[in-house]
């Protein structure tokens, strides 16, 4: 490889190391190209790029990127799964663990997650975690459940109120039907004469004759 090509590869690896929150290193020795391509495609579905690297160039890139903890993992033929920012580290770890179990060739060495070194055992534990899709569903379910309960509490009084309103409407309609029947004729009350005033008029004395009248 020419010097220019080496410099280009180191620059690309440096950029990948700086941009990856999680990376997992594996010994791919013994895998066929068909197996490598199949694993590369599966990892790509989970947001990771699987690259076979040269240790000498990767060491230079690790020093340039400030990821010196990677140096201890670069022993023997190495391949690195660079998990992108929108990738699923648990799904990537599971894909690598499945490949290691199925092929009995791939060997996971460890990796780096958010600046912290993780061992091969840590990668196995990471592979047992639910995927991001499952976790999102669990979080969504945890959020929706209280809202559903709250909606039930709100709807229950409203449903009772609607029932009371319907019953009152039926009651008013029944009362309205009864009011529509013809009412009996009204009887005018008898008017009593003012007895007290008549007696007062009869008891009033007649006026005495004046002197002119006597003459």
C-alpha atoms as a PDB file:
ATOM      1  CA  UNK A   1       0.000   0.000   0.000  1.00  0.00           C
ATOM      2  CA  UNK A   2       1.370   3.396  -0.955  1.00  0.00           C
ATOM      3  CA  UNK A   3       1.978   6.054   1.616  1.00  0.00           C
ATOM      4  CA  UNK A   4      -0.854   8.222   0.292  1.00  0.00           C
ATOM      5  CA  UNK A   5      -3.252   5.297   0.584  1.00  0.00           C
ATOM      6  CA  UNK A   6      -2.110   4.597   4.131  1.00  0.00           C
ATOM      7  CA  UNK A   7      -2.623   8.221   5.101  1.00  0.00           C
ATOM      8  CA  UNK A   8      -6.097   8.156   3.596  1.00  0.00           C
ATOM      9  CA  UNK A   9      -7.011   4.972   5.498  1.00  0.00           C
ATOM     10  CA  UNK A  10      -5.685   6.400   8.769  1.00  0.00           C
ATOM     11  CA  UNK A  11      -7.703   9.589   8.249  1.00  0.00           C
ATOM     12  CA  UNK A  12     -10.872   7.605   7.545  1.00  0.00           C
ATOM     13  CA  UNK A  13     -10.350   5.387  10.597  1.00  0.00           C
ATOM     14  CA  UNK A  14      -9.671   8.422  12.763  1.00  0.00           C
ATOM     15  CA  UNK A  15     -12.933  10.002  11.636  1.00  0.00           C
ATOM     16  CA  UNK A  16     -14.840   6.777  12.341  1.00  0.00           C
ATOM     17  CA  UNK A  17     -13.335   6.440  15.796  1.00  0.00           C
ATOM     18  CA  UNK A  18     -14.224  10.033  16.670  1.00  0.00           C
ATOM     19  CA  UNK A  19     -17.772   9.714  15.400  1.00  0.00           C
ATOM     20  CA  UNK A  20     -18.661   6.345  16.957  1.00  0.00           C
ATOM     21  CA  UNK A  21     -20.197   6.311  20.444  1.00  0.00           C
ATOM     22  CA  UNK A  22     -19.814   2.538  20.526  1.00  0.00           C
ATOM     23  CA  UNK A  23     -17.450   0.168  18.743  1.00  0.00           C
ATOM     24  CA  UNK A  24     -16.908  -3.563  19.128  1.00  0.00           C
ATOM     25  CA  UNK A  25     -13.728  -5.361  18.095  1.00  0.00           C
ATOM     26  CA  UNK A  26     -13.713  -8.978  16.947  1.00  0.00           C
ATOM     27  CA  UNK A  27     -11.215 -11.509  15.625  1.00  0.00           C
ATOM     28  CA  UNK A  28     -12.620 -12.539  12.243  1.00  0.00           C
ATOM     29  CA  UNK A  29      -9.931 -15.115  11.498  1.00  0.00           C
ATOM     30  CA  UNK A  30     -11.498 -18.157   9.800  1.00  0.00           C
ATOM     31  CA  UNK A  31     -14.604 -16.415   8.438  1.00  0.00           C
ATOM     32  CA  UNK A  32     -15.239 -16.723   4.725  1.00  0.00           C
ATOM     33  CA  UNK A  33     -15.940 -13.686   2.599  1.00  0.00           C
ATOM     34  CA  UNK A  34     -19.554 -14.838   2.276  1.00  0.00           C
ATOM     35  CA  UNK A  35     -19.899 -14.950   6.078  1.00  0.00           C
ATOM     36  CA  UNK A  36     -18.245 -11.542   6.439  1.00  0.00           C
ATOM     37  CA  UNK A  37     -20.558  -9.995   3.853  1.00  0.00           C
ATOM     38  CA  UNK A  38     -23.623 -11.541   5.508  1.00  0.00           C
ATOM     39  CA  UNK A  39     -22.537 -10.228   8.917  1.00  0.00           C
ATOM     40  CA  UNK A  40     -21.757  -6.824   7.436  1.00  0.00           C
ATOM     41  CA  UNK A  41     -25.268  -6.607   5.951  1.00  0.00           C
ATOM     42  CA  UNK A  42     -26.930  -7.615   9.211  1.00  0.00           C
ATOM     43  CA  UNK A  43     -24.944  -5.058  11.216  1.00  0.00           C
ATOM     44  CA  UNK A  44     -25.736  -2.363   8.685  1.00  0.00           C
ATOM     45  CA  UNK A  45     -29.455  -2.930   9.390  1.00  0.00           C
ATOM     46  CA  UNK A  46     -28.797  -1.982  13.025  1.00  0.00           C
ATOM     47  CA  UNK A  47     -26.759   1.120  12.249  1.00  0.00           C
ATOM     48  CA  UNK A  48     -23.202  -0.257  12.353  1.00  0.00           C
ATOM     49  CA  UNK A  49     -20.461  -0.512   9.748  1.00  0.00           C
ATOM     50  CA  UNK A  50     -18.266  -3.613   9.946  1.00  0.00           C
ATOM     51  CA  UNK A  51     -14.724  -2.982   8.715  1.00  0.00           C
ATOM     52  CA  UNK A  52     -11.725  -5.289   8.498  1.00  0.00           C
ATOM     53  CA  UNK A  53      -8.746  -3.169   9.564  1.00  0.00           C
ATOM     54  CA  UNK A  54      -4.989  -3.338   9.668  1.00  0.00           C
ATOM     55  CA  UNK A  55      -3.688  -3.125  13.223  1.00  0.00           C
ATOM     56  CA  UNK A  56      -0.747  -0.875  12.422  1.00  0.00           C
ATOM     57  CA  UNK A  57      -2.907   1.733  10.719  1.00  0.00           C
ATOM     58  CA  UNK A  58      -5.676   1.422  13.320  1.00  0.00           C
ATOM     59  CA  UNK A  59      -3.181   2.053  16.132  1.00  0.00           C
ATOM     60  CA  UNK A  60      -2.149   5.286  14.449  1.00  0.00           C
ATOM     61  CA  UNK A  61      -5.791   6.270  14.018  1.00  0.00           C
ATOM     62  CA  UNK A  62      -6.579   5.415  17.661  1.00  0.00           C
ATOM     63  CA  UNK A  63      -3.751   7.633  18.875  1.00  0.00           C
ATOM     64  CA  UNK A  64      -4.910  10.455  16.613  1.00  0.00           C
ATOM     65  CA  UNK A  65      -8.533  10.099  17.766  1.00  0.00           C
ATOM     66  CA  UNK A  66      -7.626   9.887  21.451  1.00  0.00           C
ATOM     67  CA  UNK A  67      -9.002   6.359  21.879  1.00  0.00           C
ATOM     68  CA  UNK A  68      -5.867   4.788  23.327  1.00  0.00           C
ATOM     69  CA  UNK A  69      -7.914   2.103  25.155  1.00  0.00           C
ATOM     70  CA  UNK A  70      -8.478   0.515  21.740  1.00  0.00           C
ATOM     71  CA  UNK A  71      -4.794  -0.377  21.422  1.00  0.00           C
ATOM     72  CA  UNK A  72      -5.076  -3.324  23.805  1.00  0.00           C
ATOM     73  CA  UNK A  73      -7.756  -4.925  21.600  1.00  0.00           C
ATOM     74  CA  UNK A  74      -5.708  -4.871  18.404  1.00  0.00           C
ATOM     75  CA  UNK A  75      -3.990  -8.245  18.597  1.00  0.00           C
ATOM     76  CA  UNK A  76      -4.287 -10.561  15.618  1.00  0.00           C
ATOM     77  CA  UNK A  77      -6.631 -10.127  12.631  1.00  0.00           C
ATOM     78  CA  UNK A  78      -9.131  -7.437  13.647  1.00  0.00           C
ATOM     79  CA  UNK A  79     -12.494  -6.236  12.476  1.00  0.00           C
ATOM     80  CA  UNK A  80     -14.409  -3.364  14.082  1.00  0.00           C
ATOM     81  CA  UNK A  81     -18.144  -2.725  14.189  1.00  0.00           C
ATOM     82  CA  UNK A  82     -18.549   1.064  14.296  1.00  0.00           C
ATOM     83  CA  UNK A  83     -21.999   1.826  15.738  1.00  0.00           C
ATOM     84  CA  UNK A  84     -23.342   5.085  14.323  1.00  0.00           C
ATOM     85  CA  UNK A  85     -25.121   7.707  16.440  1.00  0.00           C
ATOM     86  CA  UNK A  86     -28.568   6.439  15.399  1.00  0.00           C
ATOM     87  CA  UNK A  87     -27.557   2.775  15.657  1.00  0.00           C
ATOM     88  CA  UNK A  88     -28.654   0.152  18.171  1.00  0.00           C
ATOM     89  CA  UNK A  89     -25.658  -1.076  20.243  1.00  0.00           C
ATOM     90  CA  UNK A  90     -27.668  -3.920  21.818  1.00  0.00           C
ATOM     91  CA  UNK A  91     -28.814  -5.215  18.418  1.00  0.00           C
ATOM     92  CA  UNK A  92     -25.249  -4.946  17.064  1.00  0.00           C
ATOM     93  CA  UNK A  93     -23.873  -6.873  20.034  1.00  0.00           C
ATOM     94  CA  UNK A  94     -26.572  -9.521  19.573  1.00  0.00           C
ATOM     95  CA  UNK A  95     -25.746  -9.904  15.870  1.00  0.00           C
ATOM     96  CA  UNK A  96     -22.062 -10.387  16.668  1.00  0.00           C
ATOM     97  CA  UNK A  97     -22.839 -12.825  19.492  1.00  0.00           C
ATOM     98  CA  UNK A  98     -25.146 -14.826  17.198  1.00  0.00           C
ATOM     99  CA  UNK A  99     -22.450 -14.952  14.516  1.00  0.00           C
ATOM    100  CA  UNK A 100     -19.856 -16.095  17.056  1.00  0.00           C
ATOM    101  CA  UNK A 101     -22.188 -18.868  18.236  1.00  0.00           C
ATOM    102  CA  UNK A 102     -23.266 -19.973  14.760  1.00  0.00           C
ATOM    103  CA  UNK A 103     -19.863 -19.917  13.047  1.00  0.00           C
ATOM    104  CA  UNK A 104     -17.835 -20.957  16.104  1.00  0.00           C
ATOM    105  CA  UNK A 105     -15.088 -18.896  14.477  1.00  0.00           C
ATOM    106  CA  UNK A 106     -15.761 -15.227  15.197  1.00  0.00           C
ATOM    107  CA  UNK A 107     -14.324 -14.169  18.566  1.00  0.00           C
ATOM    108  CA  UNK A 108     -15.451 -10.976  20.278  1.00  0.00           C
ATOM    109  CA  UNK A 109     -12.629  -9.230  22.110  1.00  0.00           C
ATOM    110  CA  UNK A 110     -14.399  -6.241  23.602  1.00  0.00           C
ATOM    111  CA  UNK A 111     -14.908  -2.655  22.656  1.00  0.00           C
ATOM    112  CA  UNK A 112     -15.521   0.922  23.717  1.00  0.00           C
ATOM    113  CA  UNK A 113     -18.891   2.380  24.731  1.00  0.00           C
ATOM    114  CA  UNK A 114     -19.172   6.117  25.331  1.00  0.00           C
ATOM    115  CA  UNK A 115     -15.472   6.345  26.135  1.00  0.00           C
ATOM    116  CA  UNK A 116     -15.474   3.355  28.510  1.00  0.00           C
ATOM    117  CA  UNK A 117     -13.722   0.076  27.742  1.00  0.00           C
ATOM    118  CA  UNK A 118     -16.002  -2.966  27.711  1.00  0.00           C
ATOM    119  CA  UNK A 119     -14.916  -6.615  27.769  1.00  0.00           C
ATOM    120  CA  UNK A 120     -16.218  -9.517  25.720  1.00  0.00           C
ATOM    121  CA  UNK A 121     -18.390 -10.482  28.710  1.00  0.00           C
ATOM    122  CA  UNK A 122     -19.847  -6.958  28.701  1.00  0.00           C
ATOM    123  CA  UNK A 123     -20.667  -7.357  25.010  1.00  0.00           C
ATOM    124  CA  UNK A 124     -22.473 -10.631  25.809  1.00  0.00           C
ATOM    125  CA  UNK A 125     -24.523  -8.859  28.498  1.00  0.00           C
ATOM    126  CA  UNK A 126     -25.232  -6.012  26.102  1.00  0.00           C
ATOM    127  CA  UNK A 127     -26.538  -8.552  23.589  1.00  0.00           C
ATOM    128  CA  UNK A 128     -29.124  -9.727  26.139  1.00  0.00           C
ATOM    129  CA  UNK A 129     -30.702  -6.280  26.465  1.00  0.00           C
ATOM    130  CA  UNK A 130     -33.927  -5.451  24.587  1.00  0.00           C
ATOM    131  CA  UNK A 131     -33.520  -3.657  21.291  1.00  0.00           C
ATOM    132  CA  UNK A 132     -34.230   0.050  20.971  1.00  0.00           C
ATOM    133  CA  UNK A 133     -37.528  -0.732  19.252  1.00  0.00           C
ATOM    134  CA  UNK A 134     -38.660  -2.896  22.170  1.00  0.00           C
ATOM    135  CA  UNK A 135     -37.482  -0.315  24.718  1.00  0.00           C
ATOM    136  CA  UNK A 136     -39.374   2.440  22.906  1.00  0.00           C
ATOM    137  CA  UNK A 137     -42.507   0.295  23.007  1.00  0.00           C
ATOM    138  CA  UNK A 138     -42.060  -0.335  26.734  1.00  0.00           C
ATOM    139  CA  UNK A 139     -41.549   3.361  27.454  1.00  0.00           C
ATOM    140  CA  UNK A 140     -44.547   4.279  25.307  1.00  0.00           C
ATOM    141  CA  UNK A 141     -46.663   1.701  27.114  1.00  0.00           C
ATOM    142  CA  UNK A 142     -45.562   3.067  30.485  1.00  0.00           C
ATOM    143  CA  UNK A 143     -46.562   6.571  29.370  1.00  0.00           C
ATOM    144  CA  UNK A 144     -49.889   5.574  27.816  1.00  0.00           C
ATOM    145  CA  UNK A 145     -51.070   3.423  30.749  1.00  0.00           C
ATOM    146  CA  UNK A 146     -51.484   6.317  33.239  1.00  0.00           C
ATOM    147  CA  UNK A 147     -53.112   8.437  30.533  1.00  0.00           C
ATOM    148  CA  UNK A 148     -55.602   5.657  29.814  1.00  0.00           C
ATOM    149  CA  UNK A 149     -56.433   5.383  33.517  1.00  0.00           C
ATOM    150  CA  UNK A 150     -56.845   9.150  33.749  1.00  0.00           C
ATOM    151  CA  UNK A 151     -59.092   9.139  30.693  1.00  0.00           C
ATOM    152  CA  UNK A 152     -61.251   6.476  32.333  1.00  0.00           C
ATOM    153  CA  UNK A 153     -61.568   8.563  35.478  1.00  0.00           C
ATOM    154  CA  UNK A 154     -62.565  11.583  33.428  1.00  0.00           C
ATOM    155  CA  UNK A 155     -65.031   9.696  31.244  1.00  0.00           C
ATOM    156  CA  UNK A 156     -66.841   7.938  34.100  1.00  0.00           C
ATOM    157  CA  UNK A 157     -68.452  11.092  35.609  1.00  0.00           C
ATOM    158  CA  UNK A 158     -69.232  12.353  32.128  1.00  0.00           C
ATOM    159  CA  UNK A 159     -71.033   9.133  31.279  1.00  0.00           C
ATOM    160  CA  UNK A 160     -73.003   9.357  34.539  1.00  0.00           C
ATOM    161  CA  UNK A 161     -73.912  12.951  33.729  1.00  0.00           C
ATOM    162  CA  UNK A 162     -75.098  11.952  30.262  1.00  0.00           C
ATOM    163  CA  UNK A 163     -77.287   9.260  31.830  1.00  0.00           C
ATOM    164  CA  UNK A 164     -78.833  11.737  34.227  1.00  0.00           C
ATOM    165  CA  UNK A 165     -79.514  14.192  31.407  1.00  0.00           C
ATOM    166  CA  UNK A 166     -81.173  11.481  29.308  1.00  0.00           C
ATOM    167  CA  UNK A 167     -83.360  10.440  32.259  1.00  0.00           C
ATOM    168  CA  UNK A 168     -84.353  14.067  32.883  1.00  0.00           C
ATOM    169  CA  UNK A 169     -85.232  14.520  29.202  1.00  0.00           C
ATOM    170  CA  UNK A 170     -87.483  11.459  29.321  1.00  0.00           C
ATOM    171  CA  UNK A 171     -89.119  12.795  32.496  1.00  0.00           C
ATOM    172  CA  UNK A 172     -89.793  16.169  30.900  1.00  0.00           C
ATOM    173  CA  UNK A 173     -91.204  14.547  27.762  1.00  0.00           C
ATOM    174  CA  UNK A 174     -93.585  12.464  29.889  1.00  0.00           C
ATOM    175  CA  UNK A 175     -94.698  15.555  31.807  1.00  0.00           C
ATOM    176  CA  UNK A 176     -95.213  17.436  28.568  1.00  0.00           C
ATOM    177  CA  UNK A 177     -97.510  14.685  27.276  1.00  0.00           C
ATOM    178  CA  UNK A 178     -99.668  14.926  30.404  1.00  0.00           C
ATOM    179  CA  UNK A 179     -99.912  18.701  30.066  1.00  0.00           C
ATOM    180  CA  UNK A 180    -101.213  18.332  26.515  1.00  0.00           C
ATOM    181  CA  UNK A 181    -104.526  16.751  27.782  1.00  0.00           C
ATOM    182  CA  UNK A 182    -107.568  19.172  27.851  1.00  0.00           C
ATOM    183  CA  UNK A 183    -107.997  20.931  31.175  1.00  0.00           C
ATOM    184  CA  UNK A 184    -111.485  21.003  32.895  1.00  0.00           C
ATOM    185  CA  UNK A 185    -113.532  24.260  32.458  1.00  0.00           C
ATOM    186  CA  UNK A 186    -112.929  26.873  35.057  1.00  0.00           C
ATOM    187  CA  UNK A 187    -115.862  27.762  37.410  1.00  0.00           C
ATOM    188  CA  UNK A 188    -116.230  31.419  38.129  1.00  0.00           C
ATOM    189  CA  UNK A 189    -116.470  32.082  41.854  1.00  0.00           C
ATOM    190  CA  UNK A 190    -119.695  33.664  43.186  1.00  0.00           C
ATOM    191  CA  UNK A 191    -119.367  37.291  44.085  1.00  0.00           C
ATOM    192  CA  UNK A 192    -120.685  38.065  47.552  1.00  0.00           C
ATOM    193  CA  UNK A 193    -122.402  41.383  48.171  1.00  0.00           C
ATOM    194  CA  UNK A 194    -120.738  43.712  50.616  1.00  0.00           C
ATOM    195  CA  UNK A 195    -123.130  43.027  53.508  1.00  0.00           C
ATOM    196  CA  UNK A 196    -121.325  45.292  55.901  1.00  0.00           C
ATOM    197  CA  UNK A 197    -121.725  48.325  53.642  1.00  0.00           C
ATOM    198  CA  UNK A 198    -125.477  47.632  53.056  1.00  0.00           C
ATOM    199  CA  UNK A 199    -126.187  47.350  56.779  1.00  0.00           C
ATOM    200  CA  UNK A 200    -124.267  50.544  57.364  1.00  0.00           C
ATOM    201  CA  UNK A 201    -126.444  52.351  54.820  1.00  0.00           C
ATOM    202  CA  UNK A 202    -129.682  51.108  56.505  1.00  0.00           C
ATOM    203  CA  UNK A 203    -128.538  52.099  60.002  1.00  0.00           C
ATOM    204  CA  UNK A 204    -127.631  55.655  58.981  1.00  0.00           C
ATOM    205  CA  UNK A 205    -130.296  58.111  60.597  1.00  0.00           C
ATOM    206  CA  UNK A 206    -132.310  60.429  58.421  1.00  0.00           C
ATOM    207  CA  UNK A 207    -131.281  64.117  58.649  1.00  0.00           C
ATOM    208  CA  UNK A 208    -133.411  66.398  60.935  1.00  0.00           C
ATOM    209  CA  UNK A 209    -135.476  69.142  59.201  1.00  0.00           C
ATOM    210  CA  UNK A 210    -133.982  72.632  59.304  1.00  0.00           C
ATOM    211  CA  UNK A 211    -135.860  75.819  60.394  1.00  0.00           C
ATOM    212  CA  UNK A 212    -136.714  76.672  56.791  1.00  0.00           C
ATOM    213  CA  UNK A 213    -138.312  73.330  56.366  1.00  0.00           C
ATOM    214  CA  UNK A 214    -140.456  73.792  59.591  1.00  0.00           C
ATOM    215  CA  UNK A 215    -141.743  77.147  58.434  1.00  0.00           C
END
